[in-house]
Each structure stands twice: as structure tokens, then as C-alpha cells.
């Protein structure tokens, strides 16, 4: 399931982010890639421990914690601290798959990467190329969103970032371990949740069928969730 979440950050927040990021110390991103992906990765990243990365990452996490659509789609159990990358002219990231298990920096905890997220921090007209291409069962899905918008997709997907030919593509990216690791089960829960949300405004709070559907959702979550 590929989910687009609009306006995770406001335009003002994006401008503030960019003011900090444009002054940051960017390093060769290939150093953080896995063994197989290293030769395919050409971009710049900010060190995970840099004050600007930690501060802006915490802001993103606070915002996501107050975003019902993100919670419904991801059912997050753990979130990898947001990272930041920049693709300048000629830079790209070839086809790759993300590591299945990751060590969370500064902790002894590991995370299973069920979902990947890209939060765009540059407007589409600021750069040419730089599309996120995700291989799905329905073909290749191309994603290039407005600044402040985010896409959520299965981390098991083969994906790539096409070469930038003008400007610079700036983004935050991270991974989520979900309470429900199975993608099909998680998608069913999300569809059911959204149906309940759409029905609720037109029904009484004590409507028996609405209560029954809500009960089904929570019983399925209880069956499938790993805590």
C-alpha cells in the first residue's frame, strides 16, 4: 500500500527547515548505505548525530504523533530517527531494497523496517528529475510531491531515485516498524478504519452497526498486533 499524506509540514515549517538544512554540514551519503546499495547511492546526507538532524527529526516525530492518518496507515511501534538527504545535479540512487533490520542509533534497540517514508522538503519546480520510483504489483509508481508532503510505502519494495538534472532535491526519510508486520493485514485494517471514519459523521454515536464495525477493527488489531 502506497499512502500520500499531505501537508505533514506547513510551508512556513518547510522554510524554517530549509534555513537550517541549507547551512548544515552535508557528507557523502554512500558511507551510510548497505554493502549492496553503496555503489548505487550518490547523494549527500547530514550526520545522524548532528544537532540540526536531531532537532528537526524530533519535530517531525512530534508532528506525526498528532497525525491520525499516519497512525492509521502505519500503526507505528518504532520509528527510526528521521534522516536528511540532498540530491544535487547528477546525483541519483539506483534500484535497491532497504535493509530488513536496522540498529537504532544511540540505542541497543533494533527495528524491523516494515514501512519507508519520504518527506519532501523541496517544491517540484525547484528541481528536475529526482523522482522516487517504487516497484509495485501494479507497475512502477512515480512520486514527486510538494514540499511538506510525505509518502509512505512498503520498505520491502524495490525503489530508486532518478538522476537530478537541475536544482537540488532535499528530503527527510525514515523507516517504521509497525504493530502489524504483515502488509496485507495492515492494509485491511487501514481500509476498515477509513470506512469507519467516513461513516461516522452521518450516524449516531451509539449506532449499533457502527459500534459493531469498530469492534471488528479492534478485535482484528488485537489478533494481529505484536507489542
C-alpha atoms as a PDB file:
ATOM      1  CA  UNK A   1       0.000   0.000   0.000  1.00  0.00           C
ATOM      2  CA  UNK A   2       1.293   3.413  -1.002  1.00  0.00           C
ATOM      3  CA  UNK A   3      -0.146   6.299   1.025  1.00  0.00           C
ATOM      4  CA  UNK A   4       0.336  10.026   0.426  1.00  0.00           C
ATOM      5  CA  UNK A   5      -0.007  12.308   3.448  1.00  0.00           C
ATOM      6  CA  UNK A   6      -0.439  15.953   2.502  1.00  0.00           C
ATOM      7  CA  UNK A   7       0.963  18.882   4.483  1.00  0.00           C
ATOM      8  CA  UNK A   8       2.769  16.993   7.240  1.00  0.00           C
ATOM      9  CA  UNK A   9       4.763  20.208   7.497  1.00  0.00           C
ATOM     10  CA  UNK A  10       3.320  23.625   6.674  1.00  0.00           C
ATOM     11  CA  UNK A  11       5.042  25.813   4.094  1.00  0.00           C
ATOM     12  CA  UNK A  12       6.345  28.002   6.931  1.00  0.00           C
ATOM     13  CA  UNK A  13       7.780  24.949   8.680  1.00  0.00           C
ATOM     14  CA  UNK A  14       9.433  23.843   5.434  1.00  0.00           C
ATOM     15  CA  UNK A  15      11.045  27.270   5.049  1.00  0.00           C
ATOM     16  CA  UNK A  16      12.378  27.051   8.600  1.00  0.00           C
ATOM     17  CA  UNK A  17      13.687  23.535   7.968  1.00  0.00           C
ATOM     18  CA  UNK A  18      15.437  24.650   4.794  1.00  0.00           C
ATOM     19  CA  UNK A  19      17.058  27.612   6.529  1.00  0.00           C
ATOM     20  CA  UNK A  20      18.722  25.181   8.936  1.00  0.00           C
ATOM     21  CA  UNK A  21      19.462  22.484   6.356  1.00  0.00           C
ATOM     22  CA  UNK A  22      20.985  24.863   3.822  1.00  0.00           C
ATOM     23  CA  UNK A  23      23.610  25.820   6.434  1.00  0.00           C
ATOM     24  CA  UNK A  24      24.238  22.247   7.580  1.00  0.00           C
ATOM     25  CA  UNK A  25      27.354  20.137   7.040  1.00  0.00           C
ATOM     26  CA  UNK A  26      26.498  17.660   4.283  1.00  0.00           C
ATOM     27  CA  UNK A  27      28.535  14.474   3.861  1.00  0.00           C
ATOM     28  CA  UNK A  28      28.834  11.705   1.270  1.00  0.00           C
ATOM     29  CA  UNK A  29      25.679   9.608   1.610  1.00  0.00           C
ATOM     30  CA  UNK A  30      27.287   6.428   0.254  1.00  0.00           C
ATOM     31  CA  UNK A  31      29.005   5.910   3.607  1.00  0.00           C
ATOM     32  CA  UNK A  32      25.655   5.020   5.215  1.00  0.00           C
ATOM     33  CA  UNK A  33      24.415   2.621   2.529  1.00  0.00           C
ATOM     34  CA  UNK A  34      24.395  -1.149   2.894  1.00  0.00           C
ATOM     35  CA  UNK A  35      27.062  -3.193   1.122  1.00  0.00           C
ATOM     36  CA  UNK A  36      24.981  -3.943  -1.973  1.00  0.00           C
ATOM     37  CA  UNK A  37      23.435  -0.457  -2.229  1.00  0.00           C
ATOM     38  CA  UNK A  38      26.665   1.500  -1.712  1.00  0.00           C
ATOM     39  CA  UNK A  39      27.684   1.551  -5.365  1.00  0.00           C
ATOM     40  CA  UNK A  40      24.190   2.698  -6.392  1.00  0.00           C
ATOM     41  CA  UNK A  41      23.987   5.621  -3.943  1.00  0.00           C
ATOM     42  CA  UNK A  42      25.119   9.088  -4.973  1.00  0.00           C
ATOM     43  CA  UNK A  43      23.834  11.840  -2.682  1.00  0.00           C
ATOM     44  CA  UNK A  44      24.682  13.865   0.408  1.00  0.00           C
ATOM     45  CA  UNK A  45      23.397  13.349   3.954  1.00  0.00           C
ATOM     46  CA  UNK A  46      23.633  15.038   7.329  1.00  0.00           C
ATOM     47  CA  UNK A  47      25.272  13.023  10.112  1.00  0.00           C
ATOM     48  CA  UNK A  48      22.636  11.345  12.292  1.00  0.00           C
ATOM     49  CA  UNK A  49      24.150  12.829  15.432  1.00  0.00           C
ATOM     50  CA  UNK A  50      24.308  16.417  14.162  1.00  0.00           C
ATOM     51  CA  UNK A  51      22.280  18.808  16.312  1.00  0.00           C
ATOM     52  CA  UNK A  52      20.249  20.041  13.352  1.00  0.00           C
ATOM     53  CA  UNK A  53      19.302  16.488  12.308  1.00  0.00           C
ATOM     54  CA  UNK A  54      18.284  15.504  15.839  1.00  0.00           C
ATOM     55  CA  UNK A  55      16.257  18.682  16.419  1.00  0.00           C
ATOM     56  CA  UNK A  56      14.411  18.642  13.094  1.00  0.00           C
ATOM     57  CA  UNK A  57      13.871  14.886  13.365  1.00  0.00           C
ATOM     58  CA  UNK A  58      12.192  15.289  16.749  1.00  0.00           C
ATOM     59  CA  UNK A  59       9.913  17.954  15.264  1.00  0.00           C
ATOM     60  CA  UNK A  60       8.859  15.522  12.525  1.00  0.00           C
ATOM     61  CA  UNK A  61       8.161  12.763  15.055  1.00  0.00           C
ATOM     62  CA  UNK A  62       6.048  15.074  17.227  1.00  0.00           C
ATOM     63  CA  UNK A  63       4.035  16.098  14.187  1.00  0.00           C
ATOM     64  CA  UNK A  64       3.474  12.505  13.076  1.00  0.00           C
ATOM     65  CA  UNK A  65       2.283  11.607  16.576  1.00  0.00           C
ATOM     66  CA  UNK A  66      -0.544  14.108  16.070  1.00  0.00           C
ATOM     67  CA  UNK A  67      -1.421  12.958  12.536  1.00  0.00           C
ATOM     68  CA  UNK A  68      -4.307  10.436  12.638  1.00  0.00           C
ATOM     69  CA  UNK A  69      -3.867   9.342   9.014  1.00  0.00           C
ATOM     70  CA  UNK A  70      -0.220   8.407   9.634  1.00  0.00           C
ATOM     71  CA  UNK A  71      -1.129   6.442  12.760  1.00  0.00           C
ATOM     72  CA  UNK A  72      -3.951   4.635  10.939  1.00  0.00           C
ATOM     73  CA  UNK A  73      -1.783   3.740   7.943  1.00  0.00           C
ATOM     74  CA  UNK A  74       1.425   2.814   9.764  1.00  0.00           C
ATOM     75  CA  UNK A  75       0.236   1.604  13.190  1.00  0.00           C
ATOM     76  CA  UNK A  76       3.733   2.551  14.380  1.00  0.00           C
ATOM     77  CA  UNK A  77       5.545   0.532  17.025  1.00  0.00           C
ATOM     78  CA  UNK A  78       9.025   2.011  16.490  1.00  0.00           C
ATOM     79  CA  UNK A  79      10.247   4.810  14.225  1.00  0.00           C
ATOM     80  CA  UNK A  80      13.832   5.203  13.070  1.00  0.00           C
ATOM     81  CA  UNK A  81      15.011   8.770  13.793  1.00  0.00           C
ATOM     82  CA  UNK A  82      14.444  10.833  10.622  1.00  0.00           C
ATOM     83  CA  UNK A  83      17.469  11.330   8.378  1.00  0.00           C
ATOM     84  CA  UNK A  84      18.053  14.041   5.774  1.00  0.00           C
ATOM     85  CA  UNK A  85      19.414  13.782   2.247  1.00  0.00           C
ATOM     86  CA  UNK A  86      20.098  16.034  -0.726  1.00  0.00           C
ATOM     87  CA  UNK A  87      20.491  15.124  -4.384  1.00  0.00           C
ATOM     88  CA  UNK A  88      22.308  17.720  -6.496  1.00  0.00           C
ATOM     89  CA  UNK A  89      22.757  17.715 -10.275  1.00  0.00           C
ATOM     90  CA  UNK A  90      23.979  14.329 -11.490  1.00  0.00           C
ATOM     91  CA  UNK A  91      23.230  12.512  -8.243  1.00  0.00           C
ATOM     92  CA  UNK A  92      20.934   9.504  -8.038  1.00  0.00           C
ATOM     93  CA  UNK A  93      20.189   6.339  -6.067  1.00  0.00           C
ATOM     94  CA  UNK A  94      19.881   3.243  -8.211  1.00  0.00           C
ATOM     95  CA  UNK A  95      17.429   0.404  -7.682  1.00  0.00           C
ATOM     96  CA  UNK A  96      17.757  -1.115  -4.219  1.00  0.00           C
ATOM     97  CA  UNK A  97      15.812  -2.574  -1.319  1.00  0.00           C
ATOM     98  CA  UNK A  98      16.142  -1.286   2.240  1.00  0.00           C
ATOM     99  CA  UNK A  99      17.744  -3.384   4.968  1.00  0.00           C
ATOM    100  CA  UNK A 100      15.180  -5.549   6.749  1.00  0.00           C
ATOM    101  CA  UNK A 101      16.540  -4.948  10.267  1.00  0.00           C
ATOM    102  CA  UNK A 102      18.258  -1.759  11.419  1.00  0.00           C
ATOM    103  CA  UNK A 103      20.025  -0.683  14.583  1.00  0.00           C
ATOM    104  CA  UNK A 104      18.513   2.493  16.030  1.00  0.00           C
ATOM    105  CA  UNK A 105      21.396   4.974  16.512  1.00  0.00           C
ATOM    106  CA  UNK A 106      22.459   5.584  20.092  1.00  0.00           C
ATOM    107  CA  UNK A 107      20.496   2.628  21.462  1.00  0.00           C
ATOM    108  CA  UNK A 108      20.699  -1.140  21.808  1.00  0.00           C
ATOM    109  CA  UNK A 109      17.360  -1.449  20.009  1.00  0.00           C
ATOM    110  CA  UNK A 110      16.772  -2.821  16.544  1.00  0.00           C
ATOM    111  CA  UNK A 111      13.898  -2.088  14.185  1.00  0.00           C
ATOM    112  CA  UNK A 112      12.245  -4.210  11.504  1.00  0.00           C
ATOM    113  CA  UNK A 113      11.672  -1.944   8.511  1.00  0.00           C
ATOM    114  CA  UNK A 114       8.049  -2.584   7.552  1.00  0.00           C
ATOM    115  CA  UNK A 115       7.417   0.843   6.027  1.00  0.00           C
ATOM    116  CA  UNK A 116       9.586   3.546   4.483  1.00  0.00           C
ATOM    117  CA  UNK A 117       8.713   7.232   4.451  1.00  0.00           C
ATOM    118  CA  UNK A 118       9.968  10.149   2.372  1.00  0.00           C
ATOM    119  CA  UNK A 119       9.048  13.678   3.467  1.00  0.00           C
ATOM    120  CA  UNK A 120       9.726  16.118   0.629  1.00  0.00           C
ATOM    121  CA  UNK A 121      11.420  19.400   1.596  1.00  0.00           C
ATOM    122  CA  UNK A 122      11.787  20.960  -1.874  1.00  0.00           C
ATOM    123  CA  UNK A 123       8.996  22.002  -4.226  1.00  0.00           C
ATOM    124  CA  UNK A 124       8.749  20.024  -7.505  1.00  0.00           C
ATOM    125  CA  UNK A 125       9.557  23.139  -9.545  1.00  0.00           C
ATOM    126  CA  UNK A 126      12.840  23.601  -7.653  1.00  0.00           C
ATOM    127  CA  UNK A 127      14.451  20.635  -9.410  1.00  0.00           C
ATOM    128  CA  UNK A 128      14.170  18.377 -12.443  1.00  0.00           C
ATOM    129  CA  UNK A 129      14.481  14.624 -12.098  1.00  0.00           C
ATOM    130  CA  UNK A 130      14.770  13.242  -8.579  1.00  0.00           C
ATOM    131  CA  UNK A 131      11.546  11.243  -8.773  1.00  0.00           C
ATOM    132  CA  UNK A 132      11.069   8.426  -6.283  1.00  0.00           C
ATOM    133  CA  UNK A 133      10.166   5.335  -8.305  1.00  0.00           C
ATOM    134  CA  UNK A 134       8.642   2.393  -6.422  1.00  0.00           C
ATOM    135  CA  UNK A 135       8.113  -1.033  -7.986  1.00  0.00           C
ATOM    136  CA  UNK A 136       4.654  -2.364  -7.083  1.00  0.00           C
ATOM    137  CA  UNK A 137       2.474  -5.250  -8.216  1.00  0.00           C
ATOM    138  CA  UNK A 138       0.665  -2.717 -10.433  1.00  0.00           C
ATOM    139  CA  UNK A 139       3.852  -1.436 -12.063  1.00  0.00           C
ATOM    140  CA  UNK A 140       6.218   1.416 -11.283  1.00  0.00           C
ATOM    141  CA  UNK A 141       4.704   4.225  -9.191  1.00  0.00           C
ATOM    142  CA  UNK A 142       6.431   7.593  -9.615  1.00  0.00           C
ATOM    143  CA  UNK A 143       6.292  10.006  -6.672  1.00  0.00           C
ATOM    144  CA  UNK A 144       7.292  13.679  -6.634  1.00  0.00           C
ATOM    145  CA  UNK A 145       5.332  15.620  -4.031  1.00  0.00           C
ATOM    146  CA  UNK A 146       5.091  19.182  -2.805  1.00  0.00           C
ATOM    147  CA  UNK A 147       7.318  20.411  -0.002  1.00  0.00           C
ATOM    148  CA  UNK A 148       5.857  19.262   3.314  1.00  0.00           C
ATOM    149  CA  UNK A 149       4.052  16.257   1.806  1.00  0.00           C
ATOM    150  CA  UNK A 150       5.055  12.670   2.626  1.00  0.00           C
ATOM    151  CA  UNK A 151       4.736   9.258   1.022  1.00  0.00           C
ATOM    152  CA  UNK A 152       4.562   6.004   2.979  1.00  0.00           C
ATOM    153  CA  UNK A 153       5.285   2.700   1.212  1.00  0.00           C
ATOM    154  CA  UNK A 154       6.394  -0.890   1.975  1.00  0.00           C
ATOM    155  CA  UNK A 155      10.112  -0.993   2.790  1.00  0.00           C
ATOM    156  CA  UNK A 156      10.273  -4.359   1.024  1.00  0.00           C
ATOM    157  CA  UNK A 157       9.716  -2.626  -2.345  1.00  0.00           C
ATOM    158  CA  UNK A 158      12.467  -2.204  -4.893  1.00  0.00           C
ATOM    159  CA  UNK A 159      12.809   1.544  -5.403  1.00  0.00           C
ATOM    160  CA  UNK A 160      15.128   4.224  -6.768  1.00  0.00           C
ATOM    161  CA  UNK A 161      15.652   7.986  -7.036  1.00  0.00           C
ATOM    162  CA  UNK A 162      16.133   9.135 -10.629  1.00  0.00           C
ATOM    163  CA  UNK A 163      19.069  11.426 -11.501  1.00  0.00           C
ATOM    164  CA  UNK A 164      18.619  15.116 -10.709  1.00  0.00           C
ATOM    165  CA  UNK A 165      19.271  17.248 -13.800  1.00  0.00           C
ATOM    166  CA  UNK A 166      18.577  20.724 -12.335  1.00  0.00           C
ATOM    167  CA  UNK A 167      18.442  22.178  -8.848  1.00  0.00           C
ATOM    168  CA  UNK A 168      18.502  20.038  -5.712  1.00  0.00           C
ATOM    169  CA  UNK A 169      16.090  17.539  -4.174  1.00  0.00           C
ATOM    170  CA  UNK A 170      16.011  17.802  -0.366  1.00  0.00           C
ATOM    171  CA  UNK A 171      14.067  15.365   1.795  1.00  0.00           C
ATOM    172  CA  UNK A 172      13.798  13.576   5.107  1.00  0.00           C
ATOM    173  CA  UNK A 173      13.477   9.806   5.142  1.00  0.00           C
ATOM    174  CA  UNK A 174      12.990   7.146   7.780  1.00  0.00           C
ATOM    175  CA  UNK A 175      11.517   3.731   8.498  1.00  0.00           C
ATOM    176  CA  UNK A 176       8.720   2.402  10.669  1.00  0.00           C
ATOM    177  CA  UNK A 177       8.254  -0.906  12.433  1.00  0.00           C
ATOM    178  CA  UNK A 178       4.513  -1.467  12.553  1.00  0.00           C
ATOM    179  CA  UNK A 179       2.447  -3.164  15.232  1.00  0.00           C
ATOM    180  CA  UNK A 180       1.149  -5.261  12.322  1.00  0.00           C
ATOM    181  CA  UNK A 181       4.061  -6.570  10.305  1.00  0.00           C
ATOM    182  CA  UNK A 182       2.020  -8.249   7.567  1.00  0.00           C
ATOM    183  CA  UNK A 183       1.311  -5.758   4.782  1.00  0.00           C
ATOM    184  CA  UNK A 184      -1.983  -7.364   3.702  1.00  0.00           C
ATOM    185  CA  UNK A 185      -3.319  -7.361   7.264  1.00  0.00           C
ATOM    186  CA  UNK A 186      -2.208  -3.767   7.793  1.00  0.00           C
ATOM    187  CA  UNK A 187      -3.917  -2.700   4.557  1.00  0.00           C
ATOM    188  CA  UNK A 188      -7.180  -4.374   5.580  1.00  0.00           C
ATOM    189  CA  UNK A 189      -7.091  -2.581   8.920  1.00  0.00           C
ATOM    190  CA  UNK A 190      -6.419   0.756   7.241  1.00  0.00           C
ATOM    191  CA  UNK A 191      -9.278   0.288   4.770  1.00  0.00           C
ATOM    192  CA  UNK A 192     -11.630  -0.665   7.601  1.00  0.00           C
ATOM    193  CA  UNK A 193     -10.509   2.301   9.697  1.00  0.00           C
ATOM    194  CA  UNK A 194     -11.085   4.729   6.829  1.00  0.00           C
ATOM    195  CA  UNK A 195     -14.535   3.270   6.129  1.00  0.00           C
ATOM    196  CA  UNK A 196     -15.466   3.745   9.797  1.00  0.00           C
ATOM    197  CA  UNK A 197     -14.152   7.330   9.738  1.00  0.00           C
ATOM    198  CA  UNK A 198     -16.199   8.102   6.613  1.00  0.00           C
ATOM    199  CA  UNK A 199     -19.394   6.589   8.057  1.00  0.00           C
ATOM    200  CA  UNK A 200     -19.142   8.185  11.498  1.00  0.00           C
ATOM    201  CA  UNK A 201     -20.290  11.773  10.683  1.00  0.00           C
ATOM    202  CA  UNK A 202     -23.618  10.533   9.273  1.00  0.00           C
ATOM    203  CA  UNK A 203     -24.503   8.159  12.098  1.00  0.00           C
ATOM    204  CA  UNK A 204     -25.388   8.457  15.752  1.00  0.00           C
ATOM    205  CA  UNK A 205     -22.552   7.741  18.162  1.00  0.00           C
ATOM    206  CA  UNK A 206     -24.494   4.734  19.505  1.00  0.00           C
ATOM    207  CA  UNK A 207     -25.409   3.315  16.088  1.00  0.00           C
ATOM    208  CA  UNK A 208     -25.259  -0.449  16.534  1.00  0.00           C
ATOM    209  CA  UNK A 209     -23.672  -1.223  13.158  1.00  0.00           C
ATOM    210  CA  UNK A 210     -21.035   1.464  13.638  1.00  0.00           C
ATOM    211  CA  UNK A 211     -20.186   0.070  17.055  1.00  0.00           C
ATOM    212  CA  UNK A 212     -20.013  -3.424  15.585  1.00  0.00           C
ATOM    213  CA  UNK A 213     -17.625  -2.320  12.831  1.00  0.00           C
ATOM    214  CA  UNK A 214     -15.452  -0.534  15.386  1.00  0.00           C
ATOM    215  CA  UNK A 215     -15.402  -3.689  17.484  1.00  0.00           C
ATOM    216  CA  UNK A 216     -14.358  -5.760  14.475  1.00  0.00           C
ATOM    217  CA  UNK A 217     -11.481  -3.348  13.795  1.00  0.00           C
ATOM    218  CA  UNK A 218     -10.163  -3.566  17.343  1.00  0.00           C
ATOM    219  CA  UNK A 219     -10.571  -7.338  17.525  1.00  0.00           C
ATOM    220  CA  UNK A 220      -8.605  -7.762  14.296  1.00  0.00           C
ATOM    221  CA  UNK A 221      -5.925  -5.409  15.605  1.00  0.00           C
ATOM    222  CA  UNK A 222      -5.849  -7.383  18.853  1.00  0.00           C
ATOM    223  CA  UNK A 223      -5.378 -10.602  16.859  1.00  0.00           C
ATOM    224  CA  UNK A 224      -2.636  -9.300  14.576  1.00  0.00           C
ATOM    225  CA  UNK A 225      -0.711  -6.746  16.631  1.00  0.00           C
ATOM    226  CA  UNK A 226       2.682  -7.609  18.097  1.00  0.00           C
ATOM    227  CA  UNK A 227       3.548  -5.419  21.071  1.00  0.00           C
END
